[in-house]
Amino acid sequence: MEITMDLVRQLEKLSMLELSEGEREDARSYLRDVLAQIDIIGEADTQGVEPLTHVFPTANVTREDVVVPSPEPSVILANAPHRKGTCFRVPKTVE
């Protein structure tokens, strides 16, 4: 992919930046260098290498669902700053 000044201006517009001509040329040079590095990585022989989604082995760390009885309303409301009966009392949000 060739990095043209039109592409740099388009990226400038998309990122809502205002660059000077010197900054545009610096960005163009930097993007060319980045793509050159990616091309070098692309030359690596990956035949027979499994794609990775994560560097370290991962496993699902969630616990099994266990049915337990609900706590009493008095326990749930113990730290509520305001309550009305067995419910939390909150400010009115809709007129």
C-alpha atoms as a PDB file:
ATOM      1  CA  MET A   1       0.000   0.000   0.000  1.00  0.00           C
ATOM      2  CA  GLU A   2       1.366   3.383  -0.943  1.00  0.00           C
ATOM      3  CA  ILE A   3       1.048   6.215   1.539  1.00  0.00           C
ATOM      4  CA  THR A   4       0.073   9.285  -0.469  1.00  0.00           C
ATOM      5  CA  MET A   5      -0.515  12.804   0.770  1.00  0.00           C
ATOM      6  CA  ASP A   6      -4.202  12.331  -0.102  1.00  0.00           C
ATOM      7  CA  LEU A   7      -4.311   9.369   2.294  1.00  0.00           C
ATOM      8  CA  VAL A   8      -2.586  11.415   5.002  1.00  0.00           C
ATOM      9  CA  ARG A   9      -5.118  14.240   4.506  1.00  0.00           C
ATOM     10  CA  GLN A  10      -7.978  11.724   4.711  1.00  0.00           C
ATOM     11  CA  LEU A  11      -6.567  10.283   7.953  1.00  0.00           C
ATOM     12  CA  GLU A  12      -6.099  13.822   9.244  1.00  0.00           C
ATOM     13  CA  LYS A  13      -9.759  14.567   8.535  1.00  0.00           C
ATOM     14  CA  LEU A  14     -10.982  11.294  10.086  1.00  0.00           C
ATOM     15  CA  SER A  15      -8.965  11.910  13.247  1.00  0.00           C
ATOM     16  CA  MET A  16     -10.121  15.548  13.407  1.00  0.00           C
ATOM     17  CA  LEU A  17      -6.588  16.913  13.382  1.00  0.00           C
ATOM     18  CA  GLU A  18      -5.105  19.922  11.665  1.00  0.00           C
ATOM     19  CA  LEU A  19      -1.540  19.235  10.595  1.00  0.00           C
ATOM     20  CA  SER A  20       0.962  21.559   8.991  1.00  0.00           C
ATOM     21  CA  GLU A  21       2.620  20.506   5.741  1.00  0.00           C
ATOM     22  CA  GLY A  22       5.729  19.467   7.686  1.00  0.00           C
ATOM     23  CA  GLU A  23       3.657  17.374  10.083  1.00  0.00           C
ATOM     24  CA  ARG A  24       1.865  15.761   7.147  1.00  0.00           C
ATOM     25  CA  GLU A  25       5.186  14.790   5.600  1.00  0.00           C
ATOM     26  CA  ASP A  26       6.370  13.421   8.985  1.00  0.00           C
ATOM     27  CA  ALA A  27       3.145  11.399   9.305  1.00  0.00           C
ATOM     28  CA  ARG A  28       3.589  10.071   5.765  1.00  0.00           C
ATOM     29  CA  SER A  29       7.159   9.004   6.543  1.00  0.00           C
ATOM     30  CA  TYR A  30       6.105   7.399   9.829  1.00  0.00           C
ATOM     31  CA  LEU A  31       3.257   5.464   8.184  1.00  0.00           C
ATOM     32  CA  ARG A  32       5.622   4.242   5.450  1.00  0.00           C
ATOM     33  CA  ASP A  33       8.011   2.976   8.151  1.00  0.00           C
ATOM     34  CA  VAL A  34       5.175   1.188   9.962  1.00  0.00           C
ATOM     35  CA  LEU A  35       4.048  -0.544   6.775  1.00  0.00           C
ATOM     36  CA  ALA A  36       7.639  -1.529   5.994  1.00  0.00           C
ATOM     37  CA  GLN A  37       7.906  -3.203   9.407  1.00  0.00           C
ATOM     38  CA  ILE A  38       4.626  -5.036   8.833  1.00  0.00           C
ATOM     39  CA  ASP A  39       5.925  -6.249   5.454  1.00  0.00           C
ATOM     40  CA  ILE A  40       9.027  -7.651   7.192  1.00  0.00           C
ATOM     41  CA  ILE A  41       6.842  -9.519   9.695  1.00  0.00           C
ATOM     42  CA  GLY A  42       4.763 -10.851   6.800  1.00  0.00           C
ATOM     43  CA  GLU A  43       7.846 -12.554   5.378  1.00  0.00           C
ATOM     44  CA  ALA A  44       8.144 -14.891   8.385  1.00  0.00           C
ATOM     45  CA  ASP A  45       7.494 -18.559   7.676  1.00  0.00           C
ATOM     46  CA  THR A  46       4.300 -19.421   9.551  1.00  0.00           C
ATOM     47  CA  GLN A  47       3.633 -22.733   7.863  1.00  0.00           C
ATOM     48  CA  GLY A  48       2.204 -25.152  10.416  1.00  0.00           C
ATOM     49  CA  VAL A  49       1.866 -22.515  13.153  1.00  0.00           C
ATOM     50  CA  GLU A  50      -1.538 -22.410  14.837  1.00  0.00           C
ATOM     51  CA  PRO A  51      -3.087 -18.940  15.067  1.00  0.00           C
ATOM     52  CA  LEU A  52      -3.273 -17.535  18.599  1.00  0.00           C
ATOM     53  CA  THR A  53      -6.061 -15.606  20.239  1.00  0.00           C
ATOM     54  CA  HIS A  54      -4.035 -15.150  23.428  1.00  0.00           C
ATOM     55  CA  VAL A  55      -0.389 -15.625  24.324  1.00  0.00           C
ATOM     56  CA  PHE A  56      -1.122 -17.558  27.504  1.00  0.00           C
ATOM     57  CA  PRO A  57      -3.510 -20.501  27.769  1.00  0.00           C
ATOM     58  CA  THR A  58      -6.850 -19.338  29.089  1.00  0.00           C
ATOM     59  CA  ALA A  59      -9.829 -21.140  30.483  1.00  0.00           C
ATOM     60  CA  ASN A  60     -13.283 -20.054  31.448  1.00  0.00           C
ATOM     61  CA  VAL A  61     -12.985 -19.036  35.078  1.00  0.00           C
ATOM     62  CA  THR A  62     -16.661 -18.646  35.861  1.00  0.00           C
ATOM     63  CA  ARG A  63     -18.192 -20.844  38.509  1.00  0.00           C
ATOM     64  CA  GLU A  64     -21.118 -23.184  38.056  1.00  0.00           C
ATOM     65  CA  ASP A  65     -24.557 -21.769  38.773  1.00  0.00           C
ATOM     66  CA  VAL A  66     -25.810 -22.797  42.187  1.00  0.00           C
ATOM     67  CA  VAL A  67     -29.363 -22.208  43.335  1.00  0.00           C
ATOM     68  CA  VAL A  68     -29.426 -20.578  46.765  1.00  0.00           C
ATOM     69  CA  PRO A  69     -32.282 -19.011  48.666  1.00  0.00           C
ATOM     70  CA  SER A  70     -32.643 -15.228  48.430  1.00  0.00           C
ATOM     71  CA  PRO A  71     -31.642 -13.214  51.482  1.00  0.00           C
ATOM     72  CA  GLU A  72     -34.358 -11.672  53.628  1.00  0.00           C
ATOM     73  CA  PRO A  73     -35.447  -8.155  52.579  1.00  0.00           C
ATOM     74  CA  SER A  74     -34.128  -6.770  55.869  1.00  0.00           C
ATOM     75  CA  VAL A  75     -30.630  -8.045  55.002  1.00  0.00           C
ATOM     76  CA  ILE A  76     -30.791  -6.594  51.479  1.00  0.00           C
ATOM     77  CA  LEU A  77     -32.013  -3.203  52.751  1.00  0.00           C
ATOM     78  CA  ALA A  78     -29.677  -3.050  55.760  1.00  0.00           C
ATOM     79  CA  ASN A  79     -27.373  -0.412  54.194  1.00  0.00           C
ATOM     80  CA  ALA A  80     -29.993   1.406  52.097  1.00  0.00           C
ATOM     81  CA  PRO A  81     -29.954   5.126  52.902  1.00  0.00           C
ATOM     82  CA  HIS A  82     -33.703   5.411  52.190  1.00  0.00           C
ATOM     83  CA  ARG A  83     -36.354   2.759  51.965  1.00  0.00           C
ATOM     84  CA  LYS A  84     -40.110   2.464  51.720  1.00  0.00           C
ATOM     85  CA  GLY A  85     -41.444  -0.755  53.156  1.00  0.00           C
ATOM     86  CA  THR A  86     -39.418  -3.572  51.615  1.00  0.00           C
ATOM     87  CA  CYS A  87     -38.169  -1.477  48.659  1.00  0.00           C
ATOM     88  CA  PHE A  88     -35.353   0.969  48.005  1.00  0.00           C
ATOM     89  CA  ARG A  89     -36.581   4.572  47.878  1.00  0.00           C
ATOM     90  CA  VAL A  90     -34.943   6.580  45.109  1.00  0.00           C
ATOM     91  CA  PRO A  91     -35.426  10.105  43.773  1.00  0.00           C
ATOM     92  CA  LYS A  92     -38.097  10.556  41.134  1.00  0.00           C
ATOM     93  CA  THR A  93     -36.462  10.585  37.699  1.00  0.00           C
ATOM     94  CA  VAL A  94     -39.453  11.102  35.408  1.00  0.00           C
ATOM     95  CA  GLU A  95     -41.971  13.913  35.828  1.00  0.00           C
END
